[in-house]
């Protein structure tokens, strides 16, 4: 089928994928065939190695990680692939048979003229009926006759009400919908014929129309024609009064039952209300405890902050003593070191004196 063209001209037929499958008048040279799909080139692209491909076939090759020419296995560099416009012009000038040749079209035309021929000229191209409900496909040459004479959805005039109705709906319209068709009363009364538009009004007063007693809601089961209903209601007053009494008693019992249910529900509501009040009191108590705890926590926080300040002050006061202690420790270490040194010297001196005495 025809698709939007991928070339500057929007009037050229372009296949969705690959090349052309049209029937050409003369044999087509191999140079006009795609090296990938082997069909007649569509929007030809030429590689650096000199081989030609359809545009969509080349795009498919370039989508691979390492595209290679299917004719010579040379690597394809995307930037070195170019449109072969000269070849394209030669292709579009080739003569073909109309693709509707098997339906009767004898036209021979250039490949470039195919789309416009199918869109506007070919009498054997299948078209859709312009009526949305009609799904038939009709040859262009037969379309006017179809629209005017054979389409099931063409409008026609109802002979009774003169309104426009689709031909396919005419019978149903006359049988069930047309307000001007003459019909008879379904209850076989004295009125033999009337228009369908008058039927509903007639049925509401037809003497043979089946109906029910007006005391049906109170339990009367009598059914009959309107005339029979009138006679029944006139002769059954006592029965209807009894039905009314029974219905009234049943209604009173139902009211009493509902009142009892209402009392029980009121008790439940009161119980729930008491529980809610109790919960509200408990909530208030808990809130008060929370407020007291918050006050205590705030007081403790203040005490802690005060003690922290006192500790800082004490630290400042102690700091000079700490330095003195550190100096005293340092002096103590120095004294101890000197004492050790003196002890060592005394020991050396004693050793030297002892040696001198031994020598003498």
Protein backbone atom coordinates (compact mmCIF):
# COMPACT_ATOMS: atom_id res chain seq x y z
CA UNK A 1 0.00 0.00 0.00
CA UNK A 2 1.07 3.62 -0.42
CA UNK A 3 2.86 5.29 2.47
CA UNK A 4 4.15 8.81 3.10
CA UNK A 5 7.16 9.17 0.85
CA UNK A 6 10.64 9.44 2.34
CA UNK A 7 11.71 11.68 -0.56
CA UNK A 8 11.12 15.36 -1.33
CA UNK A 9 8.14 14.45 -3.54
CA UNK A 10 5.03 13.33 -1.67
CA UNK A 11 3.37 12.02 -4.84
CA UNK A 12 5.68 9.00 -5.26
CA UNK A 13 4.57 5.56 -4.10
CA UNK A 14 6.97 4.11 -1.51
CA UNK A 15 6.71 0.57 -0.02
CA UNK A 16 6.79 0.22 3.76
CA UNK A 17 9.94 -1.93 3.67
CA UNK A 18 12.40 -2.86 0.94
CA UNK A 19 11.99 -2.29 -2.77
CA UNK A 20 9.27 -2.25 -5.44
CA UNK A 21 7.36 -5.42 -6.38
CA UNK A 22 5.60 -3.88 -9.38
CA UNK A 23 5.30 -5.64 -12.75
CA UNK A 24 7.61 -3.81 -15.18
CA UNK A 25 6.93 -3.65 -18.91
CA UNK A 26 10.55 -4.48 -19.78
CA UNK A 27 13.10 -6.56 -17.90
CA UNK A 28 14.90 -4.47 -15.28
CA UNK A 29 18.70 -4.41 -15.24
CA UNK A 30 20.49 -5.80 -12.17
CA UNK A 31 22.00 -2.38 -11.43
CA UNK A 32 18.51 -1.25 -10.41
CA UNK A 33 18.12 -4.06 -7.84
CA UNK A 34 18.89 -3.83 -4.11
CA UNK A 35 21.88 -5.86 -2.91
CA UNK A 36 19.97 -6.82 0.25
CA UNK A 37 16.29 -7.48 -0.63
CA UNK A 38 16.98 -8.02 -4.39
CA UNK A 39 13.84 -6.07 -5.31
CA UNK A 40 13.76 -2.95 -7.51
CA UNK A 41 15.47 -0.11 -5.60
CA UNK A 42 13.36 2.34 -3.62
CA UNK A 43 15.05 5.65 -2.76
CA UNK A 44 18.47 4.15 -3.63
CA UNK A 45 21.52 4.70 -1.43
CA UNK A 46 25.04 3.99 -2.69
CA UNK A 47 27.98 2.84 -0.57
CA UNK A 48 31.66 3.74 -0.88
CA UNK A 49 32.22 0.36 -2.55
CA UNK A 50 29.73 1.29 -5.30
CA UNK A 51 26.79 -0.99 -4.43
CA UNK A 52 23.20 0.20 -4.17
CA UNK A 53 20.57 -0.49 -1.50
CA UNK A 54 16.99 0.57 -0.77
CA UNK A 55 16.77 3.30 1.87
CA UNK A 56 15.07 1.01 4.42
CA UNK A 57 17.49 -1.84 3.67
CA UNK A 58 20.46 0.49 4.25
CA UNK A 59 18.93 1.70 7.53
CA UNK A 60 18.62 -1.92 8.63
CA UNK A 61 22.28 -2.58 7.79
CA UNK A 62 23.47 0.57 9.59
CA UNK A 63 21.59 -0.44 12.74
CA UNK A 64 24.03 -3.32 13.30
CA UNK A 65 27.23 -2.85 15.32
CA UNK A 66 29.54 -3.52 12.35
CA UNK A 67 27.61 -3.02 9.07
CA UNK A 68 29.00 -4.75 5.99
CA UNK A 69 28.01 -4.64 2.33
CA UNK A 70 26.06 -7.80 1.50
CA UNK A 71 27.57 -7.82 -2.01
CA UNK A 72 31.31 -7.57 -1.22
CA UNK A 73 31.51 -7.71 2.62
CA UNK A 74 33.27 -4.33 2.75
CA UNK A 75 32.63 -2.32 5.93
CA UNK A 76 30.02 0.41 5.49
CA UNK A 77 30.79 3.87 6.89
CA UNK A 78 27.57 5.80 7.52
CA UNK A 79 29.04 9.18 6.58
CA UNK A 80 30.16 7.79 3.21
CA UNK A 81 26.69 6.48 2.20
CA UNK A 82 24.89 8.90 -0.14
CA UNK A 83 21.57 9.25 -1.97
CA UNK A 84 21.83 8.14 -5.58
CA UNK A 85 19.44 10.70 -7.09
CA UNK A 86 20.51 9.95 -10.66
CA UNK A 87 19.61 6.27 -10.24
CA UNK A 88 16.33 7.27 -8.55
CA UNK A 89 15.30 9.42 -11.51
CA UNK A 90 16.05 6.56 -13.91
CA UNK A 91 14.02 4.13 -11.78
CA UNK A 92 10.98 6.41 -11.57
CA UNK A 93 10.99 6.69 -15.35
CA UNK A 94 10.75 2.90 -15.88
CA UNK A 95 7.43 1.73 -17.35
CA UNK A 96 5.17 -0.54 -15.29
CA UNK A 97 1.76 -2.14 -15.56
CA UNK A 98 -0.89 -0.86 -13.14
CA UNK A 99 -1.04 -3.10 -10.09
CA UNK A 100 -4.78 -3.52 -10.78
CA UNK A 101 -4.04 -5.21 -14.10
CA UNK A 102 -5.61 -8.46 -12.88
CA UNK A 103 -8.85 -6.55 -12.16
CA UNK A 104 -8.99 -5.12 -15.66
CA UNK A 105 -6.78 -2.00 -15.78
CA UNK A 106 -4.70 -1.94 -19.00
CA UNK A 107 -2.78 1.24 -18.15
CA UNK A 108 1.00 1.41 -18.65
CA UNK A 109 2.73 4.23 -16.81
CA UNK A 110 6.02 5.25 -15.24
CA UNK A 111 6.80 4.07 -11.72
CA UNK A 112 6.78 7.69 -10.56
CA UNK A 113 3.16 8.10 -11.71
CA UNK A 114 1.81 5.04 -9.86
CA UNK A 115 0.59 6.73 -6.67
CA UNK A 116 -1.28 9.54 -8.44
CA UNK A 117 -2.77 7.01 -10.87
CA UNK A 118 -4.09 4.87 -8.00
CA UNK A 119 -5.35 7.90 -6.06
CA UNK A 120 -7.20 9.66 -8.87
CA UNK A 121 -7.34 7.82 -12.20
CA UNK A 122 -7.41 4.03 -11.92
CA UNK A 123 -10.99 2.86 -12.44
CA UNK A 124 -10.14 -0.55 -10.98
CA UNK A 125 -8.77 0.69 -7.63
CA UNK A 126 -10.85 -0.50 -4.65
CA UNK A 127 -12.35 2.35 -2.61
CA UNK A 128 -14.41 2.53 0.57
CA UNK A 129 -18.03 3.60 0.38
CA UNK A 130 -18.32 7.24 1.57
CA UNK A 131 -21.08 6.20 3.99
CA UNK A 132 -19.47 5.46 7.36
CA UNK A 133 -21.77 2.51 8.18
CA UNK A 134 -21.11 0.77 4.87
CA UNK A 135 -18.00 -1.42 4.99
CA UNK A 136 -18.02 -2.52 1.34
CA UNK A 137 -15.03 -2.03 -0.99
CA UNK A 138 -16.01 -0.98 -4.51
CA UNK A 139 -14.04 -0.37 -7.71
CA UNK A 140 -13.81 3.33 -8.56
CA UNK A 141 -15.75 2.78 -11.80
CA UNK A 142 -18.63 1.17 -9.87
CA UNK A 143 -18.72 3.63 -6.96
CA UNK A 144 -21.33 6.09 -8.37
CA UNK A 145 -23.74 3.25 -9.15
CA UNK A 146 -23.15 1.74 -5.69
CA UNK A 147 -23.80 5.06 -3.92
CA UNK A 148 -26.96 5.81 -5.90
CA UNK A 149 -28.50 2.38 -6.43
CA UNK A 150 -27.06 -0.58 -4.50
CA UNK A 151 -25.64 0.66 -1.18
CA UNK A 152 -27.63 -0.84 1.67
CA UNK A 153 -27.17 2.36 3.65
CA UNK A 154 -28.44 4.76 0.99
CA UNK A 155 -31.35 6.81 2.29
CA UNK A 156 -34.86 6.29 1.03
CA UNK A 157 -38.19 7.98 1.85
CA UNK A 158 -40.64 6.15 4.09
CA UNK A 159 -43.94 5.98 2.19
CA UNK A 160 -45.90 6.52 5.42
CA UNK A 161 -44.14 9.29 7.37
CA UNK A 162 -41.98 10.64 4.51
CA UNK A 163 -38.83 10.70 6.70
CA UNK A 164 -35.43 9.63 5.33
CA UNK A 165 -34.40 6.14 6.46
CA UNK A 166 -31.39 3.95 5.46
CA UNK A 167 -32.59 1.25 3.05
CA UNK A 168 -31.30 -1.54 5.32
CA UNK A 169 -33.43 -0.14 8.20
CA UNK A 170 -36.61 0.53 6.22
CA UNK A 171 -38.40 -2.74 7.01
CA UNK A 172 -37.69 -2.46 10.75
CA UNK A 173 -38.76 1.20 10.66
CA UNK A 174 -42.12 0.28 9.11
CA UNK A 175 -42.65 -2.75 11.37
CA UNK A 176 -41.85 -1.14 14.71
CA UNK A 177 -40.98 2.57 14.59
CA UNK A 178 -42.92 4.51 11.96
CA UNK A 179 -45.55 6.66 13.74
CA UNK A 180 -47.79 6.87 10.67
CA UNK A 181 -48.24 3.15 9.95
CA UNK A 182 -51.83 2.00 10.58
CA UNK A 183 -52.06 -0.68 13.30
CA UNK A 184 -54.89 -2.50 15.06
CA UNK A 185 -55.54 -2.64 18.79
CA UNK A 186 -53.77 -5.73 20.23
CA UNK A 187 -56.73 -6.30 22.58
CA UNK A 188 -59.25 -6.81 19.75
CA UNK A 189 -61.52 -3.96 20.77
CA UNK A 190 -63.98 -2.16 18.49
CA UNK A 191 -61.27 0.21 17.25
CA UNK A 192 -59.96 -1.64 14.21
CA UNK A 193 -57.23 0.68 12.93
CA UNK A 194 -55.32 3.69 14.20
CA UNK A 195 -51.89 5.23 13.65
CA UNK A 196 -49.02 3.82 15.72
CA UNK A 197 -48.47 7.29 17.24
CA UNK A 198 -52.02 7.09 18.71
CA UNK A 199 -51.69 3.56 20.10
CA UNK A 200 -50.32 4.37 23.58
CA UNK A 201 -53.08 6.90 24.26
CA UNK A 202 -55.69 4.37 23.11
CA UNK A 203 -54.27 1.53 25.28
CA UNK A 204 -54.67 3.65 28.42
CA UNK A 205 -58.45 3.77 27.84
CA UNK A 206 -59.14 0.63 25.77
CA UNK A 207 -62.06 -1.26 27.32
CA UNK A 208 -60.38 -4.61 26.51
CA UNK A 209 -56.95 -3.64 27.87
CA UNK A 210 -55.89 -5.96 30.72
CA UNK A 211 -55.64 -4.15 34.03
CA UNK A 212 -55.46 -4.78 37.77
CA UNK A 213 -57.68 -3.68 40.63
CA UNK A 214 -56.78 -0.31 42.17
CA UNK A 215 -56.65 -2.15 45.54
CA UNK A 216 -53.80 -4.38 44.30
CA UNK A 217 -51.32 -2.74 46.70
CA UNK A 218 -53.60 -3.79 49.59
CA UNK A 219 -53.75 -7.41 48.46
CA UNK A 220 -56.51 -7.68 45.83
CA UNK A 221 -55.48 -10.06 43.02
CA UNK A 222 -58.34 -9.46 40.56
CA UNK A 223 -57.36 -8.85 36.91
CA UNK A 224 -59.50 -8.08 33.88
CA UNK A 225 -60.43 -5.50 31.28
CA UNK A 226 -61.07 -1.90 32.25
CA UNK A 227 -64.81 -2.59 32.09
CA UNK A 228 -64.47 -5.69 34.30
CA UNK A 229 -62.31 -3.76 36.77
CA UNK A 230 -64.98 -1.08 37.16
CA UNK A 231 -67.65 -3.73 37.81
CA UNK A 232 -65.38 -5.57 40.27
CA UNK A 233 -64.57 -2.42 42.27
CA UNK A 234 -68.28 -1.54 42.47
CA UNK A 235 -69.24 -5.00 43.78
CA UNK A 236 -66.28 -5.74 46.08
CA UNK A 237 -66.40 -2.80 48.51
CA UNK A 238 -66.69 -5.04 51.62
CA UNK A 239 -63.78 -7.21 50.48
CA UNK A 240 -61.68 -4.11 49.84
CA UNK A 241 -62.54 -2.68 53.30
CA UNK A 242 -61.39 -5.95 54.89
CA UNK A 243 -58.17 -5.81 52.86
CA UNK A 244 -57.65 -2.25 54.06
CA UNK A 245 -58.14 -3.38 57.68
CA UNK A 246 -55.62 -6.21 57.26
CA UNK A 247 -53.18 -3.86 55.58
CA UNK A 248 -53.72 -1.28 58.36
CA UNK A 249 -53.14 -3.91 61.08
CA UNK A 250 -49.99 -5.08 59.36
CA UNK A 251 -48.87 -1.48 59.09
CA UNK A 252 -49.54 -0.89 62.82
CA UNK A 253 -47.54 -4.02 63.72
CA UNK A 254 -44.72 -2.84 61.52
CA UNK A 255 -44.82 0.61 63.15
CA UNK A 256 -44.73 -0.99 66.63
CA UNK A 257 -41.77 -3.14 65.58
CA UNK A 258 -39.96 -0.11 64.22
CA UNK A 259 -40.67 1.80 67.44
CA UNK A 260 -39.16 -1.04 69.51
CA UNK A 261 -36.14 -1.10 67.24
CA UNK A 262 -35.89 2.68 67.61
CA UNK A 263 -35.94 2.40 71.42
CA UNK A 264 -33.19 -0.22 71.36
CA UNK A 265 -31.12 1.95 69.07
CA UNK A 266 -31.70 4.97 71.31
CA UNK A 267 -30.42 2.91 74.27
CA UNK A 268 -27.35 1.93 72.29
CA UNK A 269 -26.83 5.54 71.29
CA UNK A 270 -27.08 6.65 74.94
CA UNK A 271 -24.56 3.98 75.97
CA UNK A 272 -22.19 5.13 73.26
CA UNK A 273 -22.72 8.74 74.33
CA UNK A 274 -21.82 7.86 77.93
CA UNK A 275 -18.70 6.05 76.75
CA UNK A 276 -17.70 9.05 74.65
CA UNK A 277 -18.15 11.36 77.65
CA UNK A 278 -16.01 9.02 79.76
CA UNK A 279 -13.34 8.98 77.06
CA UNK A 280 -13.40 12.78 76.86
CA UNK A 281 -12.90 13.07 80.64
CA UNK A 282 -9.99 10.60 80.51
CA UNK A 283 -8.47 12.50 77.59
CA UNK A 284 -8.65 15.75 79.55
CA UNK A 285 -6.99 14.04 82.54
CA UNK A 286 -4.21 12.73 80.34
CA UNK A 287 -3.77 16.18 78.80
CA UNK A 288 -3.43 17.71 82.29
CA UNK A 289 -0.83 15.09 83.25
CA UNK A 290 1.02 15.83 80.04
CA UNK A 291 0.99 19.55 80.79
CA UNK A 292 2.35 18.87 84.32
CA UNK A 293 5.07 16.62 82.95
CA UNK A 294 6.01 19.24 80.40
CA UNK A 295 6.29 21.81 83.22
CA UNK A 296 8.51 19.46 85.24
CA UNK A 297 10.68 18.73 82.23
CA UNK A 298 11.05 22.45 81.57
CA UNK A 299 12.09 23.02 85.22
CA UNK A 300 14.62 20.17 85.09
CA UNK A 301 16.02 21.57 81.87
CA UNK A 302 16.52 24.92 83.55
CA UNK A 303 18.28 23.23 86.53
CA UNK A 304 20.53 21.31 84.14
CA UNK A 305 21.37 24.49 82.26
CA UNK A 306 22.16 26.23 85.58
CA UNK A 307 24.42 23.37 86.74
CA UNK A 308 26.17 23.40 83.38
CA UNK A 309 26.93 27.11 83.83
CA UNK A 310 28.27 26.44 87.34
CA UNK A 311 30.50 23.66 86.02
CA UNK A 312 31.87 26.04 83.41
CA UNK A 313 32.66 28.59 86.15
CA UNK A 314 34.32 25.94 88.33
CA UNK A 315 36.36 24.78 85.37
CA UNK A 316 37.59 28.35 84.88
CA UNK A 317 38.51 28.59 88.60
CA UNK A 318 40.28 25.22 88.65
CA UNK A 319 42.23 25.84 85.44
CA UNK A 320 45.05 27.89 87.19
CA UNK A 321 45.37 25.18 89.87
CA UNK A 322 45.53 22.56 87.16
CA UNK A 323 48.38 24.48 85.52
CA UNK A 324 50.17 24.72 88.93
CA UNK A 325 49.69 21.00 89.44
CA UNK A 326 51.12 20.35 86.01
CA UNK A 327 54.11 22.62 86.81
CA UNK A 328 54.57 20.91 90.22
CA UNK A 329 54.47 17.52 88.53
CA UNK A 330 57.08 18.75 86.07
CA UNK A 331 59.31 20.08 88.90
CA UNK A 332 58.82 16.85 90.83
CA UNK A 333 59.95 14.92 87.79
CA UNK A 334 63.01 17.19 87.45
CA UNK A 335 63.91 16.77 91.14
CA UNK A 336 63.54 13.02 90.90
CA UNK A 337 65.75 13.05 87.84
CA UNK A 338 68.41 15.09 89.66
CA UNK A 339 68.22 12.78 92.68
CA UNK A 340 68.74 9.81 90.45
CA UNK A 341 71.68 11.56 88.81
CA UNK A 342 73.25 12.37 92.22
CA UNK A 343 72.75 8.80 93.33
CA UNK A 344 74.49 7.58 90.21
CA UNK A 345 77.39 9.99 90.73
CA UNK A 346 77.75 8.95 94.38
CA UNK A 347 77.78 5.36 93.31
CA UNK A 348 80.47 6.07 90.75
CA UNK A 349 82.49 8.02 93.31
CA UNK A 350 82.32 5.18 95.85
CA UNK A 351 83.39 2.73 93.24
CA UNK A 352 86.35 4.90 92.26
CA UNK A 353 87.46 5.35 95.93
CA UNK A 354 87.29 1.64 96.60
CA UNK A 355 89.42 0.97 93.58
CA UNK A 356 92.06 3.46 94.71
CA UNK A 357 92.33 1.83 98.15
CA UNK A 358 92.69 -1.57 96.63
CA UNK A 359 95.53 -0.32 94.44
CA UNK A 360 97.50 1.10 97.32
